[in-house]
Amino acid sequence: MNVGLIGTGIMGASIGRHLIDAGHKLQINNRTKGKAEPLLNAGASWANSIDEIAEHSEVILTMVGYPDDVRDIYYGTSSTNNTFSSGLLTILKPGQIIIDLTTSEPNLAQTIYQHAKGKSAHSLDAPVSGGDAGAKAGTLTVMAGGDETVFRDIKPVLECFGKKIRYCGEAGKGQSTKLANQILNTGNMLGMVEALLYARKANLDMKDTIEIIGSGAAASWAINNLGPRILQNNFEPGFLIEHFVKDMQIALDEASRLNLQLPGLTLIKKFYDLAMQKNLGKKGTHALFLVLDELSQGKNDSEIFY
């Protein structure tokens, strides 16, 4: 199948490699061509524009950072109100399928779906979970919203890079499911970091502690995958803190729209906002350890929270 991929960052690069390995003819575009070189060397072809991607692709995947990036691609860089005088939605052909893998806004996913439908094309919102490790291993969880018949038809493409592919409901429900995932993820991250800070202070063997916790009722993806990185003082992403903060804000905005208070998420976001202030936005989400390490010792900013 002819597949287009827009966005070849940490996640997109691995997703693209799995598509190539599965035998799909992959055409790619990225803001920075240099980041696409590994995929080009693996057999992908370069598209100079979104128009070129749309011309040659039956299915187009997008994996970018922020909702505004999604708007840029689908509606054009000057769009502020989801109208499409330019962008991918102006050049879609009947029967084409667009799949946004970005964690984004449910309402934006619904709007894209309606505009694609107006072009006799199809749209799925299909954010993923599993981090860089899951992307590299091809074991991502994919949460899809849109028409179920389209989901079933395109599922084999998603299975190239995902292990658990779930249909979550109508357009926007994939994004809503991912936001629920991220709300839990923030709590897991905070719990893991504080557990490791306590274990270190109690003079426990940190490696053994991670293995013990990771095999019991408190086990989580975070402790098993990111705990060892913390021990190695490796805070490279993974998943960027700045993107995690974006996800938290979307979740809080959605909760507000639903008249729902999320006090735990509100508190955890303050810790990550502090991480952003400390210029840790390009580090992995587990770099929260560095922030709480300071706070736990009474250093800097602790009055914000206590």
Protein backbone atom coordinates (compact mmCIF):
# COMPACT_ATOMS: atom_id res chain seq x y z
CA MET A 1 0.00 0.00 0.00
CA ASN A 2 1.15 3.56 -0.67
CA VAL A 3 1.42 5.24 2.72
CA GLY A 4 2.32 8.84 3.52
CA LEU A 5 3.83 9.85 6.86
CA ILE A 6 4.08 13.45 8.01
CA GLY A 7 6.29 13.79 11.08
CA THR A 8 9.43 11.69 11.60
CA GLY A 9 10.44 12.58 15.15
CA ILE A 10 11.11 10.16 18.00
CA MET A 11 7.86 8.25 17.48
CA GLY A 12 7.31 8.82 13.77
CA ALA A 13 10.75 7.50 12.80
CA SER A 14 10.10 4.13 14.43
CA ILE A 15 6.55 3.94 13.08
CA GLY A 16 7.85 4.63 9.59
CA ARG A 17 10.49 1.93 9.87
CA HIS A 18 7.86 -0.67 10.78
CA LEU A 19 5.74 0.37 7.80
CA ILE A 20 8.72 -0.10 5.49
CA ASP A 21 9.56 -3.46 7.05
CA ALA A 22 5.96 -4.57 6.48
CA GLY A 23 6.36 -3.91 2.77
CA HIS A 24 4.46 -0.65 2.42
CA LYS A 25 5.70 1.97 -0.01
CA LEU A 26 6.38 4.91 2.31
CA GLN A 27 6.63 8.57 1.37
CA ILE A 28 7.59 11.00 4.13
CA ASN A 29 7.69 14.68 4.94
CA ASN A 30 9.10 16.45 7.98
CA ARG A 31 9.90 20.04 8.87
CA THR A 32 13.57 19.12 9.23
CA LYS A 33 14.70 16.81 6.45
CA GLY A 34 17.76 15.74 8.42
CA LYS A 35 15.58 13.95 10.95
CA ALA A 36 14.11 11.90 8.12
CA GLU A 37 17.46 10.60 6.86
CA PRO A 38 17.29 7.22 8.67
CA LEU A 39 13.96 6.47 6.99
CA LEU A 40 15.21 7.65 3.62
CA ASN A 41 18.19 5.35 3.99
CA ALA A 42 15.80 2.51 4.87
CA GLY A 43 13.87 2.93 1.63
CA ALA A 44 11.32 5.70 2.14
CA SER A 45 10.98 8.42 -0.46
CA TRP A 46 10.95 12.13 0.30
CA ALA A 47 7.99 14.37 -0.47
CA ASN A 48 8.75 18.05 -0.85
CA SER A 49 5.26 19.06 0.22
CA ILE A 50 2.03 17.82 1.76
CA ASP A 51 0.51 18.09 -1.71
CA GLU A 52 3.00 15.53 -2.98
CA ILE A 53 2.15 13.18 -0.09
CA ALA A 54 -1.56 13.48 -0.88
CA GLU A 55 -0.99 12.88 -4.58
CA HIS A 56 0.66 9.50 -4.09
CA SER A 57 -0.78 8.05 -0.87
CA GLU A 58 -3.82 5.91 -0.19
CA VAL A 59 -3.37 6.40 3.55
CA ILE A 60 -1.77 9.43 5.21
CA LEU A 61 -0.50 9.29 8.80
CA THR A 62 0.40 12.38 10.80
CA MET A 63 2.51 12.29 13.97
CA VAL A 64 3.41 15.76 15.20
CA GLY A 65 3.73 17.55 18.52
CA TYR A 66 0.85 19.91 19.19
CA PRO A 67 -2.74 20.60 18.13
CA ASP A 68 -1.53 23.73 16.32
CA ASP A 69 0.84 21.52 14.30
CA VAL A 70 -2.13 19.36 13.37
CA ARG A 71 -4.03 22.48 12.30
CA ASP A 72 -1.06 23.61 10.21
CA ILE A 73 -1.05 20.32 8.32
CA TYR A 74 -4.77 19.90 7.82
CA TYR A 75 -5.89 23.52 7.50
CA GLY A 76 -2.79 25.45 6.46
CA THR A 77 -0.26 27.46 8.43
CA SER A 78 -2.37 30.62 8.51
CA SER A 79 -5.50 28.89 9.83
CA THR A 80 -6.84 30.02 13.19
CA ASN A 81 -10.45 28.90 12.89
CA ASN A 82 -10.33 25.42 11.32
CA THR A 83 -11.19 26.60 7.82
CA PHE A 84 -9.29 25.06 4.97
CA SER A 85 -8.32 27.49 2.27
CA SER A 86 -5.06 25.52 2.28
CA GLY A 87 -3.71 22.39 3.92
CA LEU A 88 -4.25 18.67 3.54
CA LEU A 89 -8.04 18.89 3.69
CA THR A 90 -8.14 20.96 0.50
CA ILE A 91 -6.42 18.27 -1.56
CA LEU A 92 -7.88 15.05 -0.21
CA LYS A 93 -9.26 12.72 -2.83
CA PRO A 94 -12.41 10.60 -2.42
CA GLY A 95 -11.63 7.37 -0.59
CA GLN A 96 -8.34 8.54 0.93
CA ILE A 97 -7.83 7.84 4.62
CA ILE A 98 -6.12 10.27 6.99
CA ILE A 99 -5.03 9.07 10.43
CA ASP A 100 -3.77 11.49 13.06
CA LEU A 101 -1.54 9.70 15.59
CA THR A 102 -0.83 12.90 17.51
CA THR A 103 -2.26 13.31 21.01
CA SER A 104 -4.55 16.24 20.33
CA GLU A 105 -7.95 17.77 21.07
CA PRO A 106 -11.13 15.66 20.72
CA ASN A 107 -13.02 18.60 19.21
CA LEU A 108 -10.31 19.11 16.59
CA ALA A 109 -10.49 15.41 15.68
CA GLN A 110 -14.25 15.71 15.24
CA THR A 111 -13.88 18.77 13.04
CA ILE A 112 -11.28 17.10 10.83
CA TYR A 113 -13.54 14.05 10.54
CA GLN A 114 -16.47 16.17 9.34
CA HIS A 115 -14.37 18.08 6.81
CA ALA A 116 -12.83 14.86 5.46
CA LYS A 117 -16.31 13.38 5.14
CA GLY A 118 -17.30 16.43 3.12
CA LYS A 119 -14.54 15.50 0.66
CA SER A 120 -15.77 11.86 0.52
CA ALA A 121 -12.60 10.89 2.38
CA HIS A 122 -12.15 9.27 5.78
CA SER A 123 -10.50 10.35 9.02
CA LEU A 124 -9.45 8.51 12.16
CA ASP A 125 -7.99 9.98 15.33
CA ALA A 126 -5.62 7.28 16.58
CA PRO A 127 -3.21 8.47 19.28
CA VAL A 128 -0.75 5.93 20.60
CA SER A 129 0.73 4.91 23.93
CA GLY A 130 3.89 3.00 24.76
CA GLY A 131 6.62 5.59 24.42
CA ASP A 132 9.79 5.34 22.39
CA ALA A 133 10.37 1.77 23.57
CA GLY A 134 6.96 0.67 22.29
CA ALA A 135 7.47 2.50 19.01
CA LYS A 136 10.85 0.84 18.45
CA ALA A 137 9.48 -2.60 19.33
CA GLY A 138 6.29 -2.17 17.31
CA THR A 139 4.15 -2.80 20.40
CA LEU A 140 2.28 0.48 20.72
CA THR A 141 -1.30 0.66 21.94
CA VAL A 142 -3.46 2.47 19.39
CA MET A 143 -6.74 4.13 20.40
CA ALA A 144 -8.89 4.90 17.37
CA GLY A 145 -11.95 7.06 16.88
CA GLY A 146 -14.01 7.41 13.70
CA ASP A 147 -16.08 5.10 11.51
CA GLU A 148 -15.72 1.49 12.62
CA THR A 149 -15.80 0.15 9.06
CA VAL A 150 -12.86 2.38 8.13
CA PHE A 151 -11.05 1.29 11.29
CA ARG A 152 -11.49 -2.37 10.37
CA ASP A 153 -10.28 -1.79 6.82
CA ILE A 154 -7.14 0.05 7.91
CA LYS A 155 -6.34 -1.99 11.02
CA PRO A 156 -3.62 -4.03 9.23
CA VAL A 157 -1.66 -0.80 8.69
CA LEU A 158 -1.93 0.09 12.37
CA GLU A 159 -0.83 -3.42 13.29
CA CYS A 160 2.53 -2.73 11.63
CA PHE A 161 3.54 -0.68 14.66
CA GLY A 162 0.92 -1.53 17.28
CA LYS A 163 0.24 -4.60 19.39
CA LYS A 164 -3.11 -3.62 20.89
CA ILE A 165 -5.31 -1.82 18.40
CA ARG A 166 -8.63 -0.74 19.87
CA TYR A 167 -11.68 0.95 18.39
CA CYS A 168 -12.91 3.50 20.94
CA GLY A 169 -16.00 4.91 19.21
CA GLU A 170 -16.95 7.85 17.04
CA ALA A 171 -14.59 10.63 15.96
CA GLY A 172 -12.79 12.18 18.93
CA LYS A 173 -13.13 9.12 21.17
CA GLY A 174 -9.60 7.98 20.38
CA GLN A 175 -8.32 11.31 21.69
CA SER A 176 -10.58 11.15 24.75
CA THR A 177 -9.29 7.67 25.55
CA LYS A 178 -5.70 8.87 25.22
CA LEU A 179 -6.41 11.75 27.59
CA ALA A 180 -7.72 9.29 30.19
CA ASN A 181 -4.49 7.34 29.63
CA GLN A 182 -2.41 10.46 30.21
CA ILE A 183 -4.28 11.40 33.38
CA LEU A 184 -3.34 8.01 34.83
CA ASN A 185 0.16 8.32 33.41
CA THR A 186 0.80 11.53 35.34
CA GLY A 187 -0.14 9.85 38.61
CA ASN A 188 2.05 6.85 37.83
CA MET A 189 4.98 9.14 37.10
CA LEU A 190 4.63 11.09 40.33
CA GLY A 191 4.25 7.90 42.37
CA MET A 192 7.29 6.29 40.77
CA VAL A 193 9.51 9.31 41.35
CA GLU A 194 8.52 9.73 44.98
CA ALA A 195 8.92 5.98 45.61
CA LEU A 196 12.47 6.09 44.25
CA LEU A 197 13.31 9.19 46.26
CA TYR A 198 12.11 7.43 49.39
CA ALA A 199 13.98 4.21 48.53
CA ARG A 200 17.21 6.14 48.05
CA LYS A 201 16.79 8.02 51.35
CA ALA A 202 16.07 4.72 53.14
CA ASN A 203 19.35 3.31 51.76
CA LEU A 204 17.63 0.53 49.82
CA ASP A 205 19.27 -1.24 46.91
CA MET A 206 17.67 0.77 44.12
CA LYS A 207 17.96 -1.86 41.41
CA ASP A 208 16.41 -4.52 43.63
CA THR A 209 13.68 -2.13 44.75
CA ILE A 210 12.67 -1.40 41.16
CA GLU A 211 12.54 -5.12 40.36
CA ILE A 212 10.47 -5.89 43.47
CA ILE A 213 7.99 -3.05 42.95
CA GLY A 214 7.83 -3.81 39.24
CA SER A 215 6.65 -7.36 39.88
CA GLY A 216 3.92 -6.60 42.43
CA ALA A 217 0.63 -4.76 42.77
CA ALA A 218 2.33 -1.38 42.33
CA ALA A 219 3.92 -2.38 39.02
CA SER A 220 3.63 0.11 36.17
CA TRP A 221 5.13 0.78 32.78
CA ALA A 222 6.86 3.77 34.36
CA ILE A 223 8.70 1.86 37.09
CA ASN A 224 9.76 -0.97 34.79
CA ASN A 225 10.85 1.16 31.84
CA LEU A 226 11.83 4.53 33.28
CA GLY A 227 13.01 3.51 36.74
CA PRO A 228 16.20 1.94 35.35
CA ARG A 229 16.87 5.05 33.27
CA ILE A 230 16.69 7.19 36.40
CA LEU A 231 19.27 4.94 38.08
CA GLN A 232 21.55 5.45 35.08
CA ASN A 233 21.01 9.23 35.31
CA ASN A 234 19.61 9.03 31.80
CA PHE A 235 16.88 11.61 31.38
CA GLU A 236 16.76 11.70 27.58
CA PRO A 237 13.34 11.20 25.95
CA GLY A 238 11.29 8.91 25.53
CA PHE A 239 8.45 11.27 25.67
CA LEU A 240 9.22 14.96 26.01
CA ILE A 241 8.16 16.84 29.12
CA GLU A 242 6.93 19.69 26.94
CA HIS A 243 4.57 17.31 25.13
CA PHE A 244 3.43 15.80 28.43
CA VAL A 245 2.55 19.28 29.70
CA LYS A 246 0.61 19.86 26.49
CA ASP A 247 -1.37 16.66 27.07
CA MET A 248 -2.12 17.65 30.66
CA GLN A 249 -3.43 21.03 29.58
CA ILE A 250 -5.66 19.47 26.93
CA ALA A 251 -7.01 17.05 29.56
CA LEU A 252 -7.68 19.89 32.00
CA ASP A 253 -9.39 21.94 29.29
CA GLU A 254 -11.57 18.95 28.35
CA ALA A 255 -12.40 18.31 32.00
CA SER A 256 -13.41 21.95 32.40
CA ARG A 257 -15.63 21.68 29.33
CA LEU A 258 -17.30 18.68 30.99
CA ASN A 259 -17.63 20.53 34.33
CA LEU A 260 -15.25 18.05 35.93
CA GLN A 261 -12.62 18.95 38.53
CA LEU A 262 -9.33 17.00 38.46
CA PRO A 263 -7.41 18.23 41.52
CA GLY A 264 -4.71 15.55 41.29
CA LEU A 265 -3.87 16.35 37.68
CA THR A 266 -3.94 20.06 38.50
CA LEU A 267 -1.32 19.54 41.21
CA ILE A 268 0.91 17.27 39.13
CA LYS A 269 0.89 19.77 36.28
CA LYS A 270 2.36 22.35 38.68
CA PHE A 271 5.36 20.08 39.20
CA TYR A 272 5.80 19.74 35.44
CA ASP A 273 5.32 23.47 34.92
CA LEU A 274 8.24 23.89 37.31
CA ALA A 275 10.23 21.43 35.20
CA MET A 276 9.53 23.63 32.19
CA GLN A 277 10.75 26.68 34.13
CA LYS A 278 13.96 24.76 34.82
CA ASN A 279 14.45 24.23 31.06
CA LEU A 280 13.73 20.50 31.22
CA GLY A 281 11.11 20.57 28.47
CA LYS A 282 13.28 18.58 26.05
CA LYS A 283 14.03 15.89 28.65
CA GLY A 284 12.00 12.74 29.19
CA THR A 285 8.97 12.78 31.47
CA HIS A 286 10.93 10.89 34.14
CA ALA A 287 13.13 13.98 34.59
CA LEU A 288 10.44 14.95 37.07
CA PHE A 289 12.82 13.10 39.40
CA LEU A 290 15.25 16.02 39.18
CA VAL A 291 12.56 18.52 40.17
CA LEU A 292 11.21 16.51 43.10
CA ASP A 293 14.73 15.68 44.23
CA GLU A 294 15.25 19.40 44.80
CA LEU A 295 11.85 19.91 46.40
CA SER A 296 12.25 16.92 48.71
CA GLN A 297 15.39 18.51 50.11
CA GLY A 298 13.67 21.82 50.70
CA LYS A 299 15.47 23.50 47.81
CA ASN A 300 13.79 26.20 45.74
CA ASP A 301 10.10 26.65 45.01
CA SER A 302 8.86 24.20 47.66
CA GLU A 303 6.56 26.88 49.06
CA ILE A 304 4.54 26.64 45.85
CA PHE A 305 3.34 23.20 46.82
CA TYR A 306 3.61 22.91 50.59
